[in-house]
Amino acid sequence: MPVDPLLARARALWEGLAAAPVSFAPRGGVSVVASPESSLCPAGWVGVVSLGGAAIVTAPTERSAALVRDGLAALPVEAVTDADAVCEVLPVVRVLGPATLSYASPDAFRSASPGALAARRLPGDHPDLRRLEVAAGEDDAGEAALRDITSPAFVIRAGGGVVAAAGYQAWPGRVAHISVLTDPAWRGRGLAKVTASATVAHALAAGLLPQWCARPLASRRVAAALGFQELGAQLSIELA
């Protein structure tokens, strides 16, 4: 059965980030390799990415790869990015995620109507973005990672400052990794959708594949409203 082009591009991205010969099995299943240089997870951790009913996993050493391979063999592929299930079969110390991986194609993208507050451009290193991060708090700012964007920032101003912003970081394989952040006092007004819409439109115009990686349900809803398709999930674990 042919692989959907959107899924094929997403898989190619993560296979490249694995930094070792590994691929998503055409008929599903979990492929585990040792890759100390993997970008699927923090250095020294185990990275798990599941897309379209198949998963690839990187571990820092051959020994840890064997341990992970044996442990995950007890799980169905849909459970390998379930933190609770993985903790049952492996000696996990810390977990990051899981985060849902969503992607948008030009045909599926649904742009948002800006309404009264249209998004404006700012340089990605503008001081007002740093002020927005302070207002949002360390956890939300870290999740959004606006500091890492390589595109312009698309922002909404109100009350003399930036209250919502989005942009993207250029990843390998012509992928645009989306970042979105809204001041807590301004949430629930559709501002994330407006700024993200402008960001996605910019990425698609450049021929990039927009990627939305999210843990909070509210963020996933914004992505879905813009036409993103949830294809899988990412999980990082540190072993004892």
Protein backbone atom coordinates (compact mmCIF):
# COMPACT_ATOMS: atom_id res chain seq x y z
CA MET A 1 0.00 0.00 0.00
CA PRO A 2 1.52 3.40 -0.98
CA VAL A 3 2.65 5.63 1.89
CA ASP A 4 0.93 9.03 2.10
CA PRO A 5 3.37 11.74 0.90
CA LEU A 6 2.91 13.73 4.13
CA LEU A 7 3.76 10.67 6.23
CA ALA A 8 6.70 9.82 3.97
CA ARG A 9 8.21 13.29 4.44
CA ALA A 10 7.72 13.15 8.21
CA ARG A 11 9.34 9.73 8.42
CA ALA A 12 12.28 10.81 6.29
CA LEU A 13 12.89 13.72 8.68
CA TRP A 14 13.08 11.54 11.78
CA GLU A 15 15.09 8.80 10.08
CA GLY A 16 17.68 11.45 9.28
CA LEU A 17 17.64 12.84 12.82
CA ALA A 18 18.32 9.34 14.17
CA ALA A 19 21.90 9.68 12.85
CA ALA A 20 22.14 5.91 12.31
CA PRO A 21 20.79 3.44 9.72
CA VAL A 22 17.16 2.91 10.79
CA SER A 23 13.79 3.17 9.09
CA PHE A 24 10.09 2.86 9.83
CA ALA A 25 9.07 -0.69 8.93
CA PRO A 26 6.59 -0.68 6.02
CA ARG A 27 4.35 -3.19 7.79
CA GLY A 28 4.61 -1.59 11.22
CA GLY A 29 6.64 -2.57 14.25
CA VAL A 30 9.48 -1.06 16.25
CA SER A 31 13.08 -0.66 15.01
CA VAL A 32 15.73 -0.02 17.67
CA VAL A 33 19.33 1.07 16.98
CA ALA A 34 22.30 2.39 18.95
CA SER A 35 23.04 6.00 18.01
CA PRO A 36 25.01 8.20 20.43
CA GLU A 37 24.59 11.18 18.05
CA SER A 38 20.80 10.87 17.75
CA SER A 39 18.70 14.03 17.67
CA LEU A 40 15.51 12.18 18.60
CA CYS A 41 16.20 12.97 22.27
CA PRO A 42 18.64 14.66 24.66
CA ALA A 43 22.19 13.28 24.60
CA GLY A 44 22.48 10.00 26.49
CA TRP A 45 18.72 9.37 26.45
CA VAL A 46 16.49 7.01 24.50
CA GLY A 47 14.39 8.59 21.76
CA VAL A 48 11.15 7.08 20.47
CA VAL A 49 9.23 8.37 17.45
CA SER A 50 6.07 6.68 16.21
CA LEU A 51 4.55 7.65 12.86
CA GLY A 52 1.81 5.91 10.94
CA GLY A 53 1.78 2.66 12.88
CA ALA A 54 5.57 2.13 12.95
CA ALA A 55 8.27 3.41 15.30
CA ILE A 56 12.00 4.03 15.35
CA VAL A 57 14.00 4.13 18.58
CA THR A 58 17.55 5.29 19.27
CA ALA A 59 19.59 4.41 22.35
CA PRO A 60 23.01 5.79 23.32
CA THR A 61 24.87 2.44 23.41
CA GLU A 62 24.57 -1.09 22.02
CA ARG A 63 23.91 -2.37 25.52
CA SER A 64 21.06 0.06 26.16
CA ALA A 65 19.69 -0.62 22.67
CA ALA A 66 19.47 -4.34 23.50
CA LEU A 67 17.73 -3.55 26.79
CA VAL A 68 15.23 -1.26 25.06
CA ARG A 69 14.64 -3.74 22.23
CA ASP A 70 13.76 -6.49 24.70
CA GLY A 71 11.56 -4.24 26.82
CA LEU A 72 9.57 -2.68 24.02
CA ALA A 73 9.00 -6.09 22.42
CA ALA A 74 6.35 -6.60 25.09
CA LEU A 75 4.35 -3.59 23.87
CA PRO A 76 2.21 -3.02 20.78
CA VAL A 77 3.60 -0.28 18.55
CA GLU A 78 0.84 2.14 19.56
CA ALA A 79 2.05 1.94 23.20
CA VAL A 80 5.75 2.68 22.69
CA THR A 81 5.14 6.43 23.08
CA ASP A 82 2.88 5.91 26.11
CA ALA A 83 5.04 6.98 29.06
CA ASP A 84 3.17 4.84 31.59
CA ALA A 85 3.39 1.72 29.43
CA VAL A 86 7.09 2.24 28.74
CA CYS A 87 7.83 2.75 32.44
CA GLU A 88 6.30 -0.68 33.09
CA VAL A 89 8.83 -2.46 30.86
CA LEU A 90 11.99 -0.34 31.20
CA PRO A 91 13.97 1.14 34.14
CA VAL A 92 13.03 4.75 33.43
CA VAL A 93 14.42 7.62 35.52
CA ARG A 94 13.00 10.62 33.66
CA VAL A 95 10.57 11.21 30.82
CA LEU A 96 10.00 14.03 28.34
CA GLY A 97 6.67 13.83 26.54
CA PRO A 98 4.93 12.28 24.87
CA ALA A 99 4.32 15.04 22.36
CA THR A 100 1.98 14.67 19.42
CA LEU A 101 3.52 15.15 15.98
CA SER A 102 1.29 16.89 13.44
CA TYR A 103 1.96 18.05 9.88
CA ALA A 104 0.22 20.29 7.36
CA SER A 105 0.13 20.09 3.58
CA PRO A 106 -0.67 23.04 1.28
CA ASP A 107 -3.98 21.43 0.30
CA ALA A 108 -5.11 20.79 3.88
CA PHE A 109 -3.99 24.09 5.45
CA ARG A 110 -6.87 26.25 6.66
CA SER A 111 -5.76 29.83 7.26
CA ALA A 112 -7.27 31.79 10.13
CA SER A 113 -9.18 35.02 9.68
CA PRO A 114 -7.18 37.72 11.51
CA GLY A 115 -10.20 39.75 12.58
CA ALA A 116 -9.42 43.02 14.32
CA LEU A 117 -5.97 41.89 15.50
CA ALA A 118 -3.83 41.00 12.48
CA ALA A 119 -0.38 39.47 12.90
CA ARG A 120 2.61 41.71 12.21
CA ARG A 121 6.23 40.73 11.58
CA LEU A 122 9.12 41.23 13.96
CA PRO A 123 12.72 39.98 13.81
CA GLY A 124 13.08 36.69 15.66
CA ASP A 125 15.46 38.24 18.19
CA HIS A 126 13.29 41.27 19.00
CA PRO A 127 13.33 42.25 22.72
CA ASP A 128 9.52 42.26 22.86
CA LEU A 129 9.57 38.48 22.30
CA ARG A 130 11.75 38.07 25.37
CA ARG A 131 9.25 40.14 27.38
CA LEU A 132 6.46 37.85 26.17
CA GLU A 133 8.45 34.84 27.39
CA VAL A 134 8.78 36.40 30.84
CA ALA A 135 5.02 37.06 30.96
CA ALA A 136 4.25 33.48 29.86
CA GLY A 137 6.50 31.89 32.47
CA GLU A 138 9.52 29.62 32.23
CA ASP A 139 7.65 26.38 31.55
CA ASP A 140 5.47 27.70 28.71
CA ALA A 141 8.32 29.70 27.22
CA GLY A 142 10.52 26.61 27.26
CA GLU A 143 7.79 24.55 25.60
CA ALA A 144 7.32 27.15 22.84
CA ALA A 145 11.06 27.74 22.28
CA LEU A 146 10.60 31.07 20.51
CA ARG A 147 14.30 31.73 21.07
CA ASP A 148 15.11 29.03 18.52
CA ILE A 149 13.09 30.35 15.58
CA THR A 150 14.94 31.14 12.36
CA SER A 151 11.94 32.73 10.63
CA PRO A 152 10.47 36.16 11.30
CA ALA A 153 8.16 36.27 14.31
CA PHE A 154 4.49 36.86 13.59
CA VAL A 155 3.02 38.77 16.51
CA ILE A 156 -0.05 40.48 17.85
CA ARG A 157 0.42 43.67 19.82
CA ALA A 158 -1.93 45.02 22.46
CA GLY A 159 -1.52 47.23 25.47
CA GLY A 160 1.88 48.44 24.34
CA GLY A 161 3.49 45.01 24.00
CA VAL A 162 3.46 41.67 22.21
CA VAL A 163 0.74 39.41 23.62
CA ALA A 164 1.05 36.51 21.16
CA ALA A 165 3.77 35.33 18.80
CA ALA A 166 4.67 32.47 16.50
CA GLY A 167 7.52 31.51 14.20
CA TYR A 168 9.41 28.46 13.06
CA GLN A 169 12.85 26.91 13.23
CA ALA A 170 14.24 25.48 9.98
CA TRP A 171 14.94 21.77 10.51
CA PRO A 172 16.69 19.33 8.16
CA GLY A 173 14.68 17.98 5.24
CA ARG A 174 13.03 21.37 4.59
CA VAL A 175 10.86 21.13 7.70
CA ALA A 176 9.52 24.15 9.60
CA HIS A 177 9.20 23.39 13.33
CA ILE A 178 6.44 25.68 14.61
CA SER A 179 6.66 27.68 17.87
CA VAL A 180 3.63 29.47 19.35
CA LEU A 181 3.31 31.45 22.60
CA THR A 182 0.51 33.60 24.06
CA ASP A 183 0.51 35.76 27.19
CA PRO A 184 -1.65 33.91 29.78
CA ALA A 185 -3.80 37.03 30.25
CA TRP A 186 -4.71 36.95 26.54
CA ARG A 187 -5.42 33.26 26.03
CA GLY A 188 -8.75 31.94 24.84
CA ARG A 189 -9.19 34.69 22.23
CA GLY A 190 -7.89 32.86 19.16
CA LEU A 191 -4.59 34.76 19.04
CA ALA A 192 -2.46 31.61 18.83
CA LYS A 193 -4.44 30.55 15.78
CA VAL A 194 -3.89 33.90 14.04
CA THR A 195 -0.13 34.07 14.67
CA ALA A 196 0.37 30.38 13.87
CA SER A 197 -1.64 30.73 10.67
CA ALA A 198 0.66 33.49 9.45
CA THR A 199 3.68 31.37 10.36
CA VAL A 200 2.40 28.28 8.53
CA ALA A 201 1.54 30.35 5.45
CA HIS A 202 5.11 31.72 5.43
CA ALA A 203 6.57 28.20 5.74
CA LEU A 204 4.40 26.75 2.98
CA ALA A 205 5.27 29.65 0.66
CA ALA A 206 8.92 28.72 1.17
CA GLY A 207 8.20 25.10 0.23
CA LEU A 208 8.71 23.82 3.79
CA LEU A 209 6.80 21.10 5.64
CA PRO A 210 5.19 22.61 8.78
CA GLN A 211 5.60 20.43 11.87
CA TRP A 212 3.62 21.00 15.08
CA CYS A 213 4.92 19.21 18.17
CA ALA A 214 2.57 19.60 21.15
CA ARG A 215 1.78 18.16 24.53
CA PRO A 216 -1.07 20.43 25.77
CA LEU A 217 -4.50 19.60 24.38
CA ALA A 218 -5.19 23.28 23.70
CA SER A 219 -2.16 23.46 21.40
CA ARG A 220 -3.25 20.33 19.55
CA ARG A 221 -6.67 21.89 19.00
CA VAL A 222 -5.12 24.97 17.42
CA ALA A 223 -3.09 22.77 15.08
CA ALA A 224 -6.18 20.76 14.10
CA ALA A 225 -8.12 23.96 13.41
CA LEU A 226 -5.40 24.99 10.94
CA GLY A 227 -5.59 21.67 9.09
CA PHE A 228 -2.69 19.83 10.69
CA GLN A 229 -2.93 16.05 10.69
CA GLU A 230 -1.76 14.09 13.74
CA LEU A 231 0.52 11.35 12.43
CA GLY A 232 2.29 10.12 15.56
CA ALA A 233 4.14 11.02 18.72
CA GLN A 234 7.60 11.50 20.23
CA LEU A 235 8.86 10.33 23.62
CA SER A 236 12.26 10.73 25.28
CA ILE A 237 13.32 8.63 28.27
CA GLU A 238 16.38 8.48 30.48
CA LEU A 239 17.26 5.01 31.70
CA ALA A 240 18.64 4.11 35.11
